[in-house]
C-alpha atoms as a PDB file:
ATOM      1  CA  UNK A   1     187.040  95.860 127.008  1.00  0.00           C
ATOM      2  CA  UNK A   2     185.887  93.243 129.687  1.00  0.00           C
ATOM      3  CA  UNK A   3     183.699  90.393 129.766  1.00  0.00           C
ATOM      4  CA  UNK A   4     180.367  90.789 131.635  1.00  0.00           C
ATOM      5  CA  UNK A   5     180.905  87.316 133.587  1.00  0.00           C
ATOM      6  CA  UNK A   6     184.074  88.724 135.134  1.00  0.00           C
ATOM      7  CA  UNK A   7     181.969  91.479 137.186  1.00  0.00           C
ATOM      8  CA  UNK A   8     179.489  88.566 138.563  1.00  0.00           C
ATOM      9  CA  UNK A   9     180.539  87.897 142.059  1.00  0.00           C
ATOM     10  CA  UNK A  10     182.496  91.225 142.517  1.00  0.00           C
ATOM     11  CA  UNK A  11     181.726  93.249 145.694  1.00  0.00           C
ATOM     12  CA  UNK A  12     180.205  96.376 145.398  1.00  0.00           C
ATOM     13  CA  UNK A  13     181.866  99.136 147.783  1.00  0.00           C
ATOM     14  CA  UNK A  14     181.081 102.732 148.764  1.00  0.00           C
ATOM     15  CA  UNK A  15     183.920 105.175 147.922  1.00  0.00           C
ATOM     16  CA  UNK A  16     184.015 107.119 150.856  1.00  0.00           C
ATOM     17  CA  UNK A  17     183.275 104.564 153.792  1.00  0.00           C
ATOM     18  CA  UNK A  18     184.582 101.365 152.145  1.00  0.00           C
ATOM     19  CA  UNK A  19     181.314  99.598 153.200  1.00  0.00           C
ATOM     20  CA  UNK A  20     180.357  96.713 151.083  1.00  0.00           C
ATOM     21  CA  UNK A  21     176.582  97.078 149.902  1.00  0.00           C
ATOM     22  CA  UNK A  22     176.444  93.685 148.045  1.00  0.00           C
ATOM     23  CA  UNK A  23     177.819  91.719 145.288  1.00  0.00           C
ATOM     24  CA  UNK A  24     177.148  91.605 141.413  1.00  0.00           C
ATOM     25  CA  UNK A  25     174.702  88.906 140.625  1.00  0.00           C
ATOM     26  CA  UNK A  26     173.606  89.996 137.113  1.00  0.00           C
ATOM     27  CA  UNK A  27     173.666  93.077 134.537  1.00  0.00           C
ATOM     28  CA  UNK A  28     170.409  94.880 133.849  1.00  0.00           C
ATOM     29  CA  UNK A  29     169.872  95.815 130.257  1.00  0.00           C
ATOM     30  CA  UNK A  30     167.280  98.148 128.316  1.00  0.00           C
ATOM     31  CA  UNK A  31     165.379  97.518 125.475  1.00  0.00           C
ATOM     32  CA  UNK A  32     168.338  98.207 123.196  1.00  0.00           C
ATOM     33  CA  UNK A  33     170.568  95.838 125.520  1.00  0.00           C
ATOM     34  CA  UNK A  34     172.585  98.605 126.859  1.00  0.00           C
ATOM     35  CA  UNK A  35     173.775  98.073 130.306  1.00  0.00           C
ATOM     36  CA  UNK A  36     171.403  99.977 132.759  1.00  0.00           C
ATOM     37  CA  UNK A  37     172.714  98.839 135.951  1.00  0.00           C
ATOM     38  CA  UNK A  38     173.936  96.024 137.963  1.00  0.00           C
ATOM     39  CA  UNK A  39     171.638  93.677 140.075  1.00  0.00           C
ATOM     40  CA  UNK A  40     172.782  93.160 143.637  1.00  0.00           C
ATOM     41  CA  UNK A  41     170.103  91.072 144.734  1.00  0.00           C
ATOM     42  CA  UNK A  42     167.301  88.950 143.015  1.00  0.00           C
ATOM     43  CA  UNK A  43     163.730  88.776 144.440  1.00  0.00           C
ATOM     44  CA  UNK A  44     163.771  85.955 147.074  1.00  0.00           C
ATOM     45  CA  UNK A  45     160.673  83.855 148.285  1.00  0.00           C
ATOM     46  CA  UNK A  46     158.444  86.670 149.818  1.00  0.00           C
ATOM     47  CA  UNK A  47     160.565  89.660 148.750  1.00  0.00           C
ATOM     48  CA  UNK A  48     158.831  91.608 146.097  1.00  0.00           C
ATOM     49  CA  UNK A  49     161.868  93.673 145.062  1.00  0.00           C
ATOM     50  CA  UNK A  50     165.307  93.491 143.327  1.00  0.00           C
ATOM     51  CA  UNK A  51     168.213  95.394 144.525  1.00  0.00           C
ATOM     52  CA  UNK A  52     170.289  97.219 141.526  1.00  0.00           C
ATOM     53  CA  UNK A  53     172.557 100.114 141.234  1.00  0.00           C
ATOM     54  CA  UNK A  54     172.220 102.310 137.926  1.00  0.00           C
ATOM     55  CA  UNK A  55     175.326 102.267 135.665  1.00  0.00           C
ATOM     56  CA  UNK A  56     175.593 106.180 135.556  1.00  0.00           C
ATOM     57  CA  UNK A  57     176.431 105.547 139.450  1.00  0.00           C
ATOM     58  CA  UNK A  58     179.043 103.023 138.932  1.00  0.00           C
ATOM     59  CA  UNK A  59     182.402 105.307 139.511  1.00  0.00           C
ATOM     60  CA  UNK A  60     184.797 102.431 138.636  1.00  0.00           C
ATOM     61  CA  UNK A  61     184.640  98.802 137.716  1.00  0.00           C
ATOM     62  CA  UNK A  62     187.885  97.017 138.168  1.00  0.00           C
ATOM     63  CA  UNK A  63     189.081  93.593 137.988  1.00  0.00           C
ATOM     64  CA  UNK A  64     188.558  93.107 141.809  1.00  0.00           C
ATOM     65  CA  UNK A  65     185.704  95.576 143.022  1.00  0.00           C
ATOM     66  CA  UNK A  66     183.034  97.693 141.714  1.00  0.00           C
ATOM     67  CA  UNK A  67     182.948 101.241 143.147  1.00  0.00           C
ATOM     68  CA  UNK A  68     179.778 103.488 143.902  1.00  0.00           C
ATOM     69  CA  UNK A  69     179.384 107.087 145.385  1.00  0.00           C
ATOM     70  CA  UNK A  70     177.018 106.249 148.137  1.00  0.00           C
ATOM     71  CA  UNK A  71     174.290 103.716 149.321  1.00  0.00           C
ATOM     72  CA  UNK A  72     171.705 106.486 148.251  1.00  0.00           C
ATOM     73  CA  UNK A  73     172.181 105.326 144.573  1.00  0.00           C
ATOM     74  CA  UNK A  74     171.036 101.830 145.193  1.00  0.00           C
ATOM     75  CA  UNK A  75     167.386 101.255 144.120  1.00  0.00           C
ATOM     76  CA  UNK A  76     164.608  98.816 144.753  1.00  0.00           C
ATOM     77  CA  UNK A  77     162.724  97.701 141.413  1.00  0.00           C
ATOM     78  CA  UNK A  78     159.915  95.012 141.190  1.00  0.00           C
ATOM     79  CA  UNK A  79     160.966  92.129 139.453  1.00  0.00           C
ATOM     80  CA  UNK A  80     158.757  92.808 136.302  1.00  0.00           C
ATOM     81  CA  UNK A  81     160.795  96.107 135.912  1.00  0.00           C
ATOM     82  CA  UNK A  82     164.292  94.280 135.297  1.00  0.00           C
ATOM     83  CA  UNK A  83     162.926  93.297 131.953  1.00  0.00           C
ATOM     84  CA  UNK A  84     165.962  92.171 130.479  1.00  0.00           C
ATOM     85  CA  UNK A  85     169.274  90.911 132.167  1.00  0.00           C
ATOM     86  CA  UNK A  86     172.387  88.612 131.397  1.00  0.00           C
ATOM     87  CA  UNK A  87     171.021  85.727 133.662  1.00  0.00           C
ATOM     88  CA  UNK A  88     167.761  86.497 135.032  1.00  0.00           C
ATOM     89  CA  UNK A  89     164.754  88.811 133.907  1.00  0.00           C
ATOM     90  CA  UNK A  90     162.035  88.419 131.464  1.00  0.00           C
ATOM     91  CA  UNK A  91     164.423  88.179 128.607  1.00  0.00           C
ATOM     92  CA  UNK A  92     167.787  86.771 129.340  1.00  0.00           C
ATOM     93  CA  UNK A  93     170.806  87.402 127.135  1.00  0.00           C
ATOM     94  CA  UNK A  94     172.799  84.383 128.276  1.00  0.00           C
ATOM     95  CA  UNK A  95     172.318  81.310 125.739  1.00  0.00           C
ATOM     96  CA  UNK A  96     170.429  83.098 123.261  1.00  0.00           C
ATOM     97  CA  UNK A  97     171.070  81.945 119.836  1.00  0.00           C
ATOM     98  CA  UNK A  98     172.684  84.195 117.504  1.00  0.00           C
ATOM     99  CA  UNK A  99     171.547  83.657 113.941  1.00  0.00           C
ATOM    100  CA  UNK A 100     172.293  85.304 110.593  1.00  0.00           C
ATOM    101  CA  UNK A 101     169.288  86.690 108.484  1.00  0.00           C
ATOM    102  CA  UNK A 102     169.780  83.874 105.975  1.00  0.00           C
ATOM    103  CA  UNK A 103     168.976  81.408 108.921  1.00  0.00           C
ATOM    104  CA  UNK A 104     172.531  80.058 109.779  1.00  0.00           C
ATOM    105  CA  UNK A 105     173.079  79.786 113.722  1.00  0.00           C
ATOM    106  CA  UNK A 106     176.414  81.204 114.571  1.00  0.00           C
ATOM    107  CA  UNK A 107     176.244  79.852 118.304  1.00  0.00           C
ATOM    108  CA  UNK A 108     174.668  80.957 121.551  1.00  0.00           C
ATOM    109  CA  UNK A 109     175.721  83.732 123.760  1.00  0.00           C
ATOM    110  CA  UNK A 110     178.207  82.555 126.491  1.00  0.00           C
ATOM    111  CA  UNK A 111     179.382  86.232 127.450  1.00  0.00           C
ATOM    112  CA  UNK A 112     179.307  89.528 126.194  1.00  0.00           C
ATOM    113  CA  UNK A 113     182.028  92.197 125.706  1.00  0.00           C
ATOM    114  CA  UNK A 114     182.066  96.109 126.574  1.00  0.00           C
ATOM    115  CA  UNK A 115     184.148  99.065 127.413  1.00  0.00           C
ATOM    116  CA  UNK A 116     183.324 100.077 131.310  1.00  0.00           C
ATOM    117  CA  UNK A 117     184.455 103.428 131.132  1.00  0.00           C
ATOM    118  CA  UNK A 118     183.445 104.570 127.461  1.00  0.00           C
ATOM    119  CA  UNK A 119     179.756 103.772 127.662  1.00  0.00           C
ATOM    120  CA  UNK A 120     177.614 100.552 128.122  1.00  0.00           C
ATOM    121  CA  UNK A 121     177.114  99.615 124.488  1.00  0.00           C
ATOM    122  CA  UNK A 122     177.999  95.684 123.992  1.00  0.00           C
ATOM    123  CA  UNK A 123     180.653  95.730 121.583  1.00  0.00           C
ATOM    124  CA  UNK A 124     180.878  91.892 120.957  1.00  0.00           C
ATOM    125  CA  UNK A 125     179.593  88.599 121.791  1.00  0.00           C
ATOM    126  CA  UNK A 126     181.482  85.346 122.859  1.00  0.00           C
ATOM    127  CA  UNK A 127     179.510  82.381 121.323  1.00  0.00           C
ATOM    128  CA  UNK A 128     179.331  78.703 122.020  1.00  0.00           C
ATOM    129  CA  UNK A 129     178.136  75.492 120.342  1.00  0.00           C
ATOM    130  CA  UNK A 130     178.498  73.407 123.189  1.00  0.00           C
ATOM    131  CA  UNK A 131     180.819  71.921 125.588  1.00  0.00           C
ATOM    132  CA  UNK A 132     182.563  69.549 123.136  1.00  0.00           C
ATOM    133  CA  UNK A 133     182.825  72.164 120.338  1.00  0.00           C
ATOM    134  CA  UNK A 134     184.401  74.492 122.984  1.00  0.00           C
ATOM    135  CA  UNK A 135     186.909  72.039 123.840  1.00  0.00           C
ATOM    136  CA  UNK A 136     187.764  70.946 120.235  1.00  0.00           C
ATOM    137  CA  UNK A 137     187.589  74.224 118.673  1.00  0.00           C
ATOM    138  CA  UNK A 138     187.292  76.616 121.251  1.00  0.00           C
ATOM    139  CA  UNK A 139     184.573  79.670 121.465  1.00  0.00           C
ATOM    140  CA  UNK A 140     184.035  82.279 118.996  1.00  0.00           C
ATOM    141  CA  UNK A 141     183.973  85.894 118.993  1.00  0.00           C
ATOM    142  CA  UNK A 142     181.792  88.107 117.048  1.00  0.00           C
ATOM    143  CA  UNK A 143     182.012  91.800 116.954  1.00  0.00           C
ATOM    144  CA  UNK A 144     178.781  93.717 117.511  1.00  0.00           C
ATOM    145  CA  UNK A 145     177.827  95.412 114.173  1.00  0.00           C
ATOM    146  CA  UNK A 146     178.532  99.208 114.591  1.00  0.00           C
ATOM    147  CA  UNK A 147     175.239  99.926 112.925  1.00  0.00           C
ATOM    148  CA  UNK A 148     172.695  99.466 115.734  1.00  0.00           C
ATOM    149  CA  UNK A 149     169.741  98.652 113.443  1.00  0.00           C
ATOM    150  CA  UNK A 150     171.755  95.927 111.641  1.00  0.00           C
ATOM    151  CA  UNK A 151     171.292  93.675 114.847  1.00  0.00           C
ATOM    152  CA  UNK A 152     167.821  92.714 116.052  1.00  0.00           C
ATOM    153  CA  UNK A 153     168.035  91.799 119.971  1.00  0.00           C
ATOM    154  CA  UNK A 154     164.974  89.886 120.254  1.00  0.00           C
ATOM    155  CA  UNK A 155     163.144  88.037 123.262  1.00  0.00           C
ATOM    156  CA  UNK A 156     164.333  84.549 121.570  1.00  0.00           C
ATOM    157  CA  UNK A 157     167.067  85.066 119.215  1.00  0.00           C
ATOM    158  CA  UNK A 158     169.777  87.712 117.965  1.00  0.00           C
ATOM    159  CA  UNK A 159     169.591  88.165 114.198  1.00  0.00           C
ATOM    160  CA  UNK A 160     172.618  89.410 112.734  1.00  0.00           C
ATOM    161  CA  UNK A 161     173.477  90.539 109.088  1.00  0.00           C
ATOM    162  CA  UNK A 162     174.570  87.608 106.803  1.00  0.00           C
ATOM    163  CA  UNK A 163     178.384  89.083 106.805  1.00  0.00           C
ATOM    164  CA  UNK A 164     178.812  88.156 110.592  1.00  0.00           C
ATOM    165  CA  UNK A 165     179.297  84.476 109.690  1.00  0.00           C
ATOM    166  CA  UNK A 166     182.676  85.451 107.761  1.00  0.00           C
ATOM    167  CA  UNK A 167     183.627  87.970 110.991  1.00  0.00           C
ATOM    168  CA  UNK A 168     183.622  85.164 113.517  1.00  0.00           C
ATOM    169  CA  UNK A 169     187.333  84.922 115.165  1.00  0.00           C
ATOM    170  CA  UNK A 170     188.398  82.578 117.894  1.00  0.00           C
ATOM    171  CA  UNK A 171     188.183  84.147 121.403  1.00  0.00           C
ATOM    172  CA  UNK A 172     191.826  84.399 122.077  1.00  0.00           C
ATOM    173  CA  UNK A 173     192.322  86.522 119.003  1.00  0.00           C
ATOM    174  CA  UNK A 174     189.646  88.858 119.646  1.00  0.00           C
ATOM    175  CA  UNK A 175     191.485  89.747 123.215  1.00  0.00           C
ATOM    176  CA  UNK A 176     194.659  90.136 121.782  1.00  0.00           C
END
């Protein structure tokens, strides 16, 4: 299991040539918040496209490098086509509040976890209550419910079942 933010800044290399074609700037998600791919370049001042690589074209995702098969798998999309992303996009996952169906806010999304070689489903959320709370109590980890319909991944908040409040763990315990 890896944290999404550990991918940010990693070089993206072509396996047969060793050529670097970019660095990971963000992750791009579908409407169910499954990882669609990696964003290598944001749209700039006069640019009307975003450079991405689809997750199905990522051969390996290691601690130091992301490996792809060829330069041909890179795509250029309009910024409006990258609807959901971790940092950018129309809807961003970073800093979304996580709230139970009973209205209890559990924290804001600081990072997400997933298994890079077993699919792209988010398996957990790292939550923060702010800098001071992180220093005093540490961040919390919430396992994503296994029932996809149990979580509403909305535009302005993530709504989880009421039982999620009792399932929060310290981040260190979740990673061991």
